[in-house]
Amino acid sequence: MGAGSPVDERDLPLAAGDRWRFECAEALAFLRSLPSSSIDGVITDPPYSSGGATRGDRMNATSLKYVHTGTIVQRHEFAGDNRDQRAFAYWCALWLSECLRVAKAGSPICLFTDWRQLPTTIDALQAGGWVWRGIVPWDKGPSARPQMGRFKSQCEYVVWGTSGASPDLESIGCLPGLFSERSRNDDKHHMVGKPTALMQEIVNICPREGVVLDPFSGSATTGVAALLEGRRFIGCEITESNYAIGRERLEACAADVSLEAHRAGQLALL
């Protein structure tokens, strides 16, 4: 395309002037619809398929695998969490290779996982063509999953990498190598949702005004964090109930009002 040529919107993940785009769709189909080399970073929290010790356990509903006995707040189930180890690795390599196709050269990827799936996730990231750069722990706090006679499962992990070579960027700066952020009930809209404050820190690895992609958006916390931090967002979620919550949150954030005010039809004061 020559200098001064009009930009074909088919080559853009977002329409001109849009800050975000969120669809109810299956991740692979959604990714395949995106133009190549159009995304500035991928930040996502896919289903881990790690709940339980046996194949039978993994086939259980997510509420049976991840909700503690006595939990008061009940949240919607989510899909895609019942693959065995080989299927999980192969599936991850498929969608990670599509993420690589749509990412610009040098773009970062940040991929959440737990201790069970950490080795497989690292392998899948590289099988998808990404350059593995490291692991960043997320300390969830001392109350996380206590079990007598065992170490607590207190951390989850961000496996991160880049699409090829990654130049030093003073505009990004030096980012933390450890995150400590606790979940709060008033900020949790998904069964395994991450804190918004945590995602705000992580999206800073992407350039300002860059497009952040999350193909497993859940309740769209990555998207909300991206908008709050001056980035743009594109993502999808397959479960309709979680998609509906995520869309409400994005609309409220874009309008600069609380979720409660958005639901009540209130507008931001100018």
C-alpha atoms as a PDB file:
ATOM      1  CA  MET A   1       0.000   0.000   0.000  1.00  0.00           C
ATOM      2  CA  GLY A   2       1.535   3.301  -1.032  1.00  0.00           C
ATOM      3  CA  ALA A   3       1.881   6.370   1.142  1.00  0.00           C
ATOM      4  CA  GLY A   4      -1.367   8.273   1.334  1.00  0.00           C
ATOM      5  CA  SER A   5      -3.426   5.319   0.098  1.00  0.00           C
ATOM      6  CA  PRO A   6      -6.787   4.873   1.864  1.00  0.00           C
ATOM      7  CA  VAL A   7      -6.802   2.133   4.520  1.00  0.00           C
ATOM      8  CA  ASP A   8      -8.989  -0.852   3.677  1.00  0.00           C
ATOM      9  CA  GLU A   9     -11.030  -1.589   6.824  1.00  0.00           C
ATOM     10  CA  ARG A  10     -10.812  -5.284   5.999  1.00  0.00           C
ATOM     11  CA  ASP A  11      -7.158  -4.971   7.062  1.00  0.00           C
ATOM     12  CA  LEU A  12      -8.135  -3.581  10.473  1.00  0.00           C
ATOM     13  CA  PRO A  13      -9.468  -5.544  13.481  1.00  0.00           C
ATOM     14  CA  LEU A  14     -11.545  -2.525  14.577  1.00  0.00           C
ATOM     15  CA  ALA A  15     -13.530  -0.069  12.516  1.00  0.00           C
ATOM     16  CA  ALA A  16     -11.991   3.394  12.347  1.00  0.00           C
ATOM     17  CA  GLY A  17     -12.744   5.321  15.542  1.00  0.00           C
ATOM     18  CA  ASP A  18     -13.910   2.288  17.539  1.00  0.00           C
ATOM     19  CA  ARG A  19     -12.317   1.589  20.936  1.00  0.00           C
ATOM     20  CA  TRP A  20     -13.559  -1.970  21.349  1.00  0.00           C
ATOM     21  CA  ARG A  21     -15.249  -4.914  19.671  1.00  0.00           C
ATOM     22  CA  PHE A  22     -16.695  -7.912  21.517  1.00  0.00           C
ATOM     23  CA  GLU A  23     -18.486 -10.875  19.977  1.00  0.00           C
ATOM     24  CA  CYS A  24     -20.210 -14.029  21.186  1.00  0.00           C
ATOM     25  CA  ALA A  25     -18.238 -16.603  19.195  1.00  0.00           C
ATOM     26  CA  GLU A  26     -16.013 -19.679  19.348  1.00  0.00           C
ATOM     27  CA  ALA A  27     -12.363 -18.649  19.637  1.00  0.00           C
ATOM     28  CA  LEU A  28     -10.847 -20.414  16.619  1.00  0.00           C
ATOM     29  CA  ALA A  29     -13.603 -19.274  14.255  1.00  0.00           C
ATOM     30  CA  PHE A  30     -13.292 -15.714  15.563  1.00  0.00           C
ATOM     31  CA  LEU A  31      -9.501 -15.672  15.209  1.00  0.00           C
ATOM     32  CA  ARG A  32      -9.689 -16.970  11.654  1.00  0.00           C
ATOM     33  CA  SER A  33     -11.923 -14.031  10.757  1.00  0.00           C
ATOM     34  CA  LEU A  34      -9.295 -11.461  11.780  1.00  0.00           C
ATOM     35  CA  PRO A  35      -6.806  -9.913   9.341  1.00  0.00           C
ATOM     36  CA  SER A  36      -3.154 -10.931   9.572  1.00  0.00           C
ATOM     37  CA  SER A  37      -0.595  -8.722  11.346  1.00  0.00           C
ATOM     38  CA  SER A  38      -3.267  -6.470  12.853  1.00  0.00           C
ATOM     39  CA  ILE A  39      -3.008  -6.991  16.633  1.00  0.00           C
ATOM     40  CA  ASP A  40      -0.570  -5.287  19.029  1.00  0.00           C
ATOM     41  CA  GLY A  41      -0.739  -7.867  21.826  1.00  0.00           C
ATOM     42  CA  VAL A  42      -2.562 -10.968  23.077  1.00  0.00           C
ATOM     43  CA  ILE A  43      -3.585 -11.232  26.726  1.00  0.00           C
ATOM     44  CA  THR A  44      -5.844 -14.132  27.601  1.00  0.00           C
ATOM     45  CA  ASP A  45      -6.998 -16.554  30.286  1.00  0.00           C
ATOM     46  CA  PRO A  46      -8.182 -19.724  28.506  1.00  0.00           C
ATOM     47  CA  PRO A  47      -9.901 -22.628  30.286  1.00  0.00           C
ATOM     48  CA  TYR A  48      -7.157 -24.670  31.946  1.00  0.00           C
ATOM     49  CA  SER A  49      -8.812 -28.134  31.830  1.00  0.00           C
ATOM     50  CA  SER A  50      -6.969 -28.849  35.076  1.00  0.00           C
ATOM     51  CA  GLY A  51      -9.710 -29.412  37.659  1.00  0.00           C
ATOM     52  CA  GLY A  52      -9.578 -32.913  39.162  1.00  0.00           C
ATOM     53  CA  ALA A  53      -7.093 -35.767  38.973  1.00  0.00           C
ATOM     54  CA  THR A  54      -8.862 -38.082  36.534  1.00  0.00           C
ATOM     55  CA  ARG A  55     -10.602 -37.921  33.156  1.00  0.00           C
ATOM     56  CA  GLY A  56     -13.920 -38.328  34.955  1.00  0.00           C
ATOM     57  CA  ASP A  57     -13.146 -35.361  37.198  1.00  0.00           C
ATOM     58  CA  ARG A  58     -12.350 -33.166  34.217  1.00  0.00           C
ATOM     59  CA  MET A  59     -15.731 -33.918  32.652  1.00  0.00           C
ATOM     60  CA  ASN A  60     -17.524 -32.430  35.670  1.00  0.00           C
ATOM     61  CA  ALA A  61     -19.213 -29.026  35.565  1.00  0.00           C
ATOM     62  CA  THR A  62     -16.865 -26.133  36.264  1.00  0.00           C
ATOM     63  CA  SER A  63     -18.863 -25.252  39.389  1.00  0.00           C
ATOM     64  CA  LEU A  64     -18.025 -28.669  40.860  1.00  0.00           C
ATOM     65  CA  LYS A  65     -14.329 -28.285  40.020  1.00  0.00           C
ATOM     66  CA  TYR A  66     -13.631 -24.682  40.981  1.00  0.00           C
ATOM     67  CA  VAL A  67     -16.226 -23.499  43.506  1.00  0.00           C
ATOM     68  CA  HIS A  68     -15.466 -24.068  47.184  1.00  0.00           C
ATOM     69  CA  THR A  69     -18.080 -25.599  49.477  1.00  0.00           C
ATOM     70  CA  GLY A  70     -19.992 -22.814  51.203  1.00  0.00           C
ATOM     71  CA  THR A  71     -19.391 -20.202  48.491  1.00  0.00           C
ATOM     72  CA  ILE A  72     -22.218 -17.680  48.694  1.00  0.00           C
ATOM     73  CA  VAL A  73     -21.928 -15.954  45.306  1.00  0.00           C
ATOM     74  CA  GLN A  74     -22.883 -18.297  42.464  1.00  0.00           C
ATOM     75  CA  ARG A  75     -21.608 -17.466  38.967  1.00  0.00           C
ATOM     76  CA  HIS A  76     -22.287 -18.834  35.493  1.00  0.00           C
ATOM     77  CA  GLU A  77     -20.626 -22.018  34.226  1.00  0.00           C
ATOM     78  CA  PHE A  78     -18.049 -21.690  31.451  1.00  0.00           C
ATOM     79  CA  ALA A  79     -17.199 -23.891  28.475  1.00  0.00           C
ATOM     80  CA  GLY A  80     -14.119 -25.699  27.139  1.00  0.00           C
ATOM     81  CA  ASP A  81     -12.682 -26.962  30.418  1.00  0.00           C
ATOM     82  CA  ASN A  82     -12.942 -30.743  29.907  1.00  0.00           C
ATOM     83  CA  ARG A  83     -10.061 -31.661  27.573  1.00  0.00           C
ATOM     84  CA  ASP A  84      -7.537 -34.333  28.486  1.00  0.00           C
ATOM     85  CA  GLN A  85      -3.845 -33.428  28.476  1.00  0.00           C
ATOM     86  CA  ARG A  86      -3.069 -34.255  24.845  1.00  0.00           C
ATOM     87  CA  ALA A  87      -6.238 -32.633  23.559  1.00  0.00           C
ATOM     88  CA  PHE A  88      -5.527 -29.518  25.649  1.00  0.00           C
ATOM     89  CA  ALA A  89      -2.004 -29.173  24.248  1.00  0.00           C
ATOM     90  CA  TYR A  90      -3.111 -29.706  20.639  1.00  0.00           C
ATOM     91  CA  TRP A  91      -6.055 -27.308  20.973  1.00  0.00           C
ATOM     92  CA  CYS A  92      -3.821 -24.615  22.495  1.00  0.00           C
ATOM     93  CA  ALA A  93      -1.293 -24.965  19.672  1.00  0.00           C
ATOM     94  CA  LEU A  94      -4.113 -24.457  17.136  1.00  0.00           C
ATOM     95  CA  TRP A  95      -5.455 -21.204  18.533  1.00  0.00           C
ATOM     96  CA  LEU A  96      -2.006 -19.927  19.498  1.00  0.00           C
ATOM     97  CA  SER A  97      -0.860 -20.316  15.894  1.00  0.00           C
ATOM     98  CA  GLU A  98      -3.856 -18.231  14.784  1.00  0.00           C
ATOM     99  CA  CYS A  99      -2.981 -15.592  17.385  1.00  0.00           C
ATOM    100  CA  LEU A 100       0.530 -15.521  15.941  1.00  0.00           C
ATOM    101  CA  ARG A 101      -0.854 -14.963  12.446  1.00  0.00           C
ATOM    102  CA  VAL A 102      -2.920 -11.947  13.512  1.00  0.00           C
ATOM    103  CA  ALA A 103      -0.176 -10.430  15.701  1.00  0.00           C
ATOM    104  CA  LYS A 104       2.209  -7.794  14.427  1.00  0.00           C
ATOM    105  CA  ALA A 105       5.929  -8.600  14.465  1.00  0.00           C
ATOM    106  CA  GLY A 106       7.355  -8.317  17.980  1.00  0.00           C
ATOM    107  CA  SER A 107       3.941  -8.280  19.680  1.00  0.00           C
ATOM    108  CA  PRO A 108       3.725  -9.730  23.205  1.00  0.00           C
ATOM    109  CA  ILE A 109       1.498 -12.546  24.410  1.00  0.00           C
ATOM    110  CA  CYS A 110       0.537 -13.145  28.050  1.00  0.00           C
ATOM    111  CA  LEU A 111      -1.155 -16.467  28.737  1.00  0.00           C
ATOM    112  CA  PHE A 112      -2.558 -17.481  32.149  1.00  0.00           C
ATOM    113  CA  THR A 113      -2.197 -21.004  33.504  1.00  0.00           C
ATOM    114  CA  ASP A 114      -1.979 -22.913  36.785  1.00  0.00           C
ATOM    115  CA  TRP A 115       0.721 -25.209  38.168  1.00  0.00           C
ATOM    116  CA  ARG A 116      -0.778 -28.364  36.632  1.00  0.00           C
ATOM    117  CA  GLN A 117      -0.815 -27.003  33.095  1.00  0.00           C
ATOM    118  CA  LEU A 118       2.300 -24.840  33.288  1.00  0.00           C
ATOM    119  CA  PRO A 119       4.653 -27.272  31.437  1.00  0.00           C
ATOM    120  CA  THR A 120       2.044 -28.055  28.767  1.00  0.00           C
ATOM    121  CA  THR A 121       1.198 -24.373  28.282  1.00  0.00           C
ATOM    122  CA  ILE A 122       4.870 -23.483  27.769  1.00  0.00           C
ATOM    123  CA  ASP A 123       5.178 -26.247  25.164  1.00  0.00           C
ATOM    124  CA  ALA A 124       1.954 -25.196  23.417  1.00  0.00           C
ATOM    125  CA  LEU A 125       3.054 -21.550  23.248  1.00  0.00           C
ATOM    126  CA  GLN A 126       6.206 -22.583  21.392  1.00  0.00           C
ATOM    127  CA  ALA A 127       4.337 -25.118  19.231  1.00  0.00           C
ATOM    128  CA  GLY A 128       2.133 -22.215  18.150  1.00  0.00           C
ATOM    129  CA  GLY A 129       5.237 -20.415  16.864  1.00  0.00           C
ATOM    130  CA  TRP A 130       5.772 -17.868  19.647  1.00  0.00           C
ATOM    131  CA  VAL A 131       9.138 -17.143  21.270  1.00  0.00           C
ATOM    132  CA  TRP A 132       8.858 -18.053  24.946  1.00  0.00           C
ATOM    133  CA  ARG A 133      10.253 -15.238  27.119  1.00  0.00           C
ATOM    134  CA  GLY A 134       9.461 -16.263  30.685  1.00  0.00           C
ATOM    135  CA  ILE A 135       6.986 -16.852  33.500  1.00  0.00           C
ATOM    136  CA  VAL A 136       5.479 -14.221  35.814  1.00  0.00           C
ATOM    137  CA  PRO A 137       3.751 -15.499  38.992  1.00  0.00           C
ATOM    138  CA  TRP A 138       0.485 -14.026  40.230  1.00  0.00           C
ATOM    139  CA  ASP A 139       0.251 -14.289  44.030  1.00  0.00           C
ATOM    140  CA  LYS A 140      -3.450 -14.574  44.824  1.00  0.00           C
ATOM    141  CA  GLY A 141      -2.963 -14.082  48.565  1.00  0.00           C
ATOM    142  CA  PRO A 142      -2.498 -16.314  51.640  1.00  0.00           C
ATOM    143  CA  SER A 143      -6.152 -17.419  51.762  1.00  0.00           C
ATOM    144  CA  ALA A 144      -5.927 -19.232  48.399  1.00  0.00           C
ATOM    145  CA  ARG A 145      -6.836 -22.956  48.530  1.00  0.00           C
ATOM    146  CA  PRO A 146      -5.431 -24.005  51.922  1.00  0.00           C
ATOM    147  CA  GLN A 147      -4.948 -27.771  52.451  1.00  0.00           C
ATOM    148  CA  MET A 148      -3.586 -29.364  55.624  1.00  0.00           C
ATOM    149  CA  GLY A 149      -0.150 -30.917  55.212  1.00  0.00           C
ATOM    150  CA  ARG A 150       0.448 -29.305  51.813  1.00  0.00           C
ATOM    151  CA  PHE A 151       1.798 -26.091  50.351  1.00  0.00           C
ATOM    152  CA  LYS A 152      -0.974 -23.739  49.278  1.00  0.00           C
ATOM    153  CA  SER A 153      -1.814 -23.371  45.595  1.00  0.00           C
ATOM    154  CA  GLN A 154      -1.337 -19.654  46.132  1.00  0.00           C
ATOM    155  CA  CYS A 155      -0.072 -18.690  42.682  1.00  0.00           C
ATOM    156  CA  GLU A 156      -1.160 -18.833  39.094  1.00  0.00           C
ATOM    157  CA  TYR A 157       1.233 -17.972  36.290  1.00  0.00           C
ATOM    158  CA  VAL A 158       1.515 -15.779  33.227  1.00  0.00           C
ATOM    159  CA  VAL A 159       3.484 -17.521  30.485  1.00  0.00           C
ATOM    160  CA  TRP A 160       4.652 -14.792  28.157  1.00  0.00           C
ATOM    161  CA  GLY A 161       6.430 -14.495  24.854  1.00  0.00           C
ATOM    162  CA  THR A 162       6.665 -12.515  21.636  1.00  0.00           C
ATOM    163  CA  SER A 163       5.978 -12.983  17.952  1.00  0.00           C
ATOM    164  CA  GLY A 164       9.612 -13.114  16.909  1.00  0.00           C
ATOM    165  CA  ALA A 165      12.282 -10.650  18.004  1.00  0.00           C
ATOM    166  CA  SER A 166      11.287  -8.144  20.667  1.00  0.00           C
ATOM    167  CA  PRO A 167      13.118  -4.801  20.754  1.00  0.00           C
ATOM    168  CA  ASP A 168      13.628  -2.897  24.013  1.00  0.00           C
ATOM    169  CA  LEU A 169      10.917  -0.249  24.271  1.00  0.00           C
ATOM    170  CA  GLU A 170      11.476   2.726  26.556  1.00  0.00           C
ATOM    171  CA  SER A 171       7.846   3.691  26.019  1.00  0.00           C
ATOM    172  CA  ILE A 172       6.812   0.455  27.793  1.00  0.00           C
ATOM    173  CA  GLY A 173       9.467   0.569  30.495  1.00  0.00           C
ATOM    174  CA  CYS A 174      10.504  -2.258  32.820  1.00  0.00           C
ATOM    175  CA  LEU A 175       7.488  -4.230  34.042  1.00  0.00           C
ATOM    176  CA  PRO A 176       7.148  -6.210  37.305  1.00  0.00           C
ATOM    177  CA  GLY A 177       8.264  -9.846  37.483  1.00  0.00           C
ATOM    178  CA  LEU A 178       5.650 -10.688  40.129  1.00  0.00           C
ATOM    179  CA  PHE A 179       2.055  -9.578  40.688  1.00  0.00           C
ATOM    180  CA  SER A 180       0.291  -9.627  44.069  1.00  0.00           C
ATOM    181  CA  GLU A 181      -3.384  -8.829  43.749  1.00  0.00           C
ATOM    182  CA  ARG A 182      -6.346 -10.351  45.579  1.00  0.00           C
ATOM    183  CA  SER A 183      -9.743 -10.972  44.051  1.00  0.00           C
ATOM    184  CA  ARG A 184     -12.715  -9.047  45.430  1.00  0.00           C
ATOM    185  CA  ASN A 185     -16.317 -10.186  45.202  1.00  0.00           C
ATOM    186  CA  ASP A 186     -17.468  -6.784  43.950  1.00  0.00           C
ATOM    187  CA  ASP A 187     -14.949  -7.011  41.086  1.00  0.00           C
ATOM    188  CA  LYS A 188     -15.466 -10.673  40.181  1.00  0.00           C
ATOM    189  CA  HIS A 189     -18.043 -11.329  37.448  1.00  0.00           C
ATOM    190  CA  HIS A 190     -16.852 -14.764  36.274  1.00  0.00           C
ATOM    191  CA  MET A 191     -16.285 -18.018  38.175  1.00  0.00           C
ATOM    192  CA  VAL A 192     -12.515 -17.818  37.673  1.00  0.00           C
ATOM    193  CA  GLY A 193     -12.254 -14.138  36.740  1.00  0.00           C
ATOM    194  CA  LYS A 194      -9.042 -12.214  37.353  1.00  0.00           C
ATOM    195  CA  PRO A 195      -8.905  -8.902  39.297  1.00  0.00           C
ATOM    196  CA  THR A 196      -9.282  -5.834  37.094  1.00  0.00           C
ATOM    197  CA  ALA A 197      -6.301  -4.194  38.826  1.00  0.00           C
ATOM    198  CA  LEU A 198      -4.127  -7.195  37.896  1.00  0.00           C
ATOM    199  CA  MET A 199      -5.156  -7.013  34.252  1.00  0.00           C
ATOM    200  CA  GLN A 200      -4.525  -3.240  34.213  1.00  0.00           C
ATOM    201  CA  GLU A 201      -0.911  -3.937  35.145  1.00  0.00           C
ATOM    202  CA  ILE A 202      -0.523  -6.668  32.549  1.00  0.00           C
ATOM    203  CA  VAL A 203      -1.999  -4.755  29.587  1.00  0.00           C
ATOM    204  CA  ASN A 204       0.788  -2.205  30.023  1.00  0.00           C
ATOM    205  CA  ILE A 205       3.056  -4.556  28.080  1.00  0.00           C
ATOM    206  CA  CYS A 206       1.102  -3.442  24.988  1.00  0.00           C
ATOM    207  CA  PRO A 207       1.663   0.030  23.474  1.00  0.00           C
ATOM    208  CA  ARG A 208      -0.783   2.817  24.239  1.00  0.00           C
ATOM    209  CA  GLU A 209      -3.557   2.970  21.637  1.00  0.00           C
ATOM    210  CA  GLY A 210      -2.558  -0.568  20.598  1.00  0.00           C
ATOM    211  CA  VAL A 211      -5.193  -3.257  20.034  1.00  0.00           C
ATOM    212  CA  VAL A 212      -5.269  -5.927  22.750  1.00  0.00           C
ATOM    213  CA  LEU A 213      -6.774  -9.296  21.753  1.00  0.00           C
ATOM    214  CA  ASP A 214      -8.439 -11.752  24.152  1.00  0.00           C
ATOM    215  CA  PRO A 215     -10.076 -14.771  22.449  1.00  0.00           C
ATOM    216  CA  PHE A 216     -11.291 -16.157  25.812  1.00  0.00           C
ATOM    217  CA  SER A 217     -12.729 -12.989  27.268  1.00  0.00           C
ATOM    218  CA  GLY A 218     -15.129 -14.374  29.883  1.00  0.00           C
ATOM    219  CA  SER A 219     -16.597 -11.311  31.583  1.00  0.00           C
ATOM    220  CA  ALA A 220     -14.265  -9.044  29.548  1.00  0.00           C
ATOM    221  CA  THR A 221     -11.909  -8.027  32.357  1.00  0.00           C
ATOM    222  CA  THR A 222      -9.014  -7.812  29.893  1.00  0.00           C
ATOM    223  CA  GLY A 223     -11.105  -5.489  27.756  1.00  0.00           C
ATOM    224  CA  VAL A 224     -12.103  -3.267  30.670  1.00  0.00           C
ATOM    225  CA  ALA A 225      -8.467  -3.065  31.779  1.00  0.00           C
ATOM    226  CA  ALA A 226      -7.347  -2.211  28.240  1.00  0.00           C
ATOM    227  CA  LEU A 227      -9.826   0.658  27.962  1.00  0.00           C
ATOM    228  CA  LEU A 228      -8.899   1.986  31.411  1.00  0.00           C
ATOM    229  CA  GLU A 229      -5.213   1.963  30.440  1.00  0.00           C
ATOM    230  CA  GLY A 230      -5.620   3.785  27.116  1.00  0.00           C
ATOM    231  CA  ARG A 231      -5.532   0.718  24.882  1.00  0.00           C
ATOM    232  CA  ARG A 232      -8.135  -0.624  22.470  1.00  0.00           C
ATOM    233  CA  PHE A 233      -9.702  -4.069  22.724  1.00  0.00           C
ATOM    234  CA  ILE A 234     -11.034  -6.898  20.606  1.00  0.00           C
ATOM    235  CA  GLY A 235     -12.269 -10.203  21.967  1.00  0.00           C
ATOM    236  CA  CYS A 236     -14.824 -12.974  21.997  1.00  0.00           C
ATOM    237  CA  GLU A 237     -16.584 -15.248  24.483  1.00  0.00           C
ATOM    238  CA  ILE A 238     -18.448 -18.453  23.649  1.00  0.00           C
ATOM    239  CA  THR A 239     -20.799 -18.654  26.669  1.00  0.00           C
ATOM    240  CA  GLU A 240     -23.779 -16.353  26.136  1.00  0.00           C
ATOM    241  CA  SER A 241     -24.367 -15.559  29.822  1.00  0.00           C
ATOM    242  CA  ASN A 242     -20.740 -14.516  30.371  1.00  0.00           C
ATOM    243  CA  TYR A 243     -20.710 -12.637  27.055  1.00  0.00           C
ATOM    244  CA  ALA A 244     -23.750 -10.620  28.187  1.00  0.00           C
ATOM    245  CA  ILE A 245     -22.002  -9.612  31.416  1.00  0.00           C
ATOM    246  CA  GLY A 246     -18.806  -8.745  29.557  1.00  0.00           C
ATOM    247  CA  ARG A 247     -20.616  -6.582  27.053  1.00  0.00           C
ATOM    248  CA  GLU A 248     -22.347  -4.656  29.857  1.00  0.00           C
ATOM    249  CA  ARG A 249     -18.997  -4.050  31.543  1.00  0.00           C
ATOM    250  CA  LEU A 250     -17.382  -2.782  28.336  1.00  0.00           C
ATOM    251  CA  GLU A 251     -20.316  -0.480  27.604  1.00  0.00           C
ATOM    252  CA  ALA A 252     -20.165   0.908  31.144  1.00  0.00           C
ATOM    253  CA  CYS A 253     -16.396   1.426  30.984  1.00  0.00           C
ATOM    254  CA  ALA A 254     -16.583   3.133  27.589  1.00  0.00           C
ATOM    255  CA  ALA A 255     -19.327   5.426  28.940  1.00  0.00           C
ATOM    256  CA  ASP A 256     -17.258   6.148  32.082  1.00  0.00           C
ATOM    257  CA  VAL A 257     -19.979   5.024  34.475  1.00  0.00           C
ATOM    258  CA  SER A 258     -20.216   2.183  36.989  1.00  0.00           C
ATOM    259  CA  LEU A 259     -21.814  -1.095  35.962  1.00  0.00           C
ATOM    260  CA  GLU A 260     -24.719  -0.396  38.304  1.00  0.00           C
ATOM    261  CA  ALA A 261     -25.253   3.070  36.810  1.00  0.00           C
ATOM    262  CA  HIS A 262     -25.087   1.628  33.286  1.00  0.00           C
ATOM    263  CA  ARG A 263     -27.702  -0.969  34.149  1.00  0.00           C
ATOM    264  CA  ALA A 264     -29.902   1.787  35.551  1.00  0.00           C
ATOM    265  CA  GLY A 265     -29.545   3.784  32.323  1.00  0.00           C
ATOM    266  CA  GLN A 266     -27.535   6.603  33.880  1.00  0.00           C
ATOM    267  CA  LEU A 267     -25.088   8.675  31.819  1.00  0.00           C
ATOM    268  CA  ALA A 268     -21.721  10.089  32.824  1.00  0.00           C
ATOM    269  CA  LEU A 269     -21.581  13.751  33.870  1.00  0.00           C
ATOM    270  CA  LEU A 270     -19.708  15.872  31.308  1.00  0.00           C
END
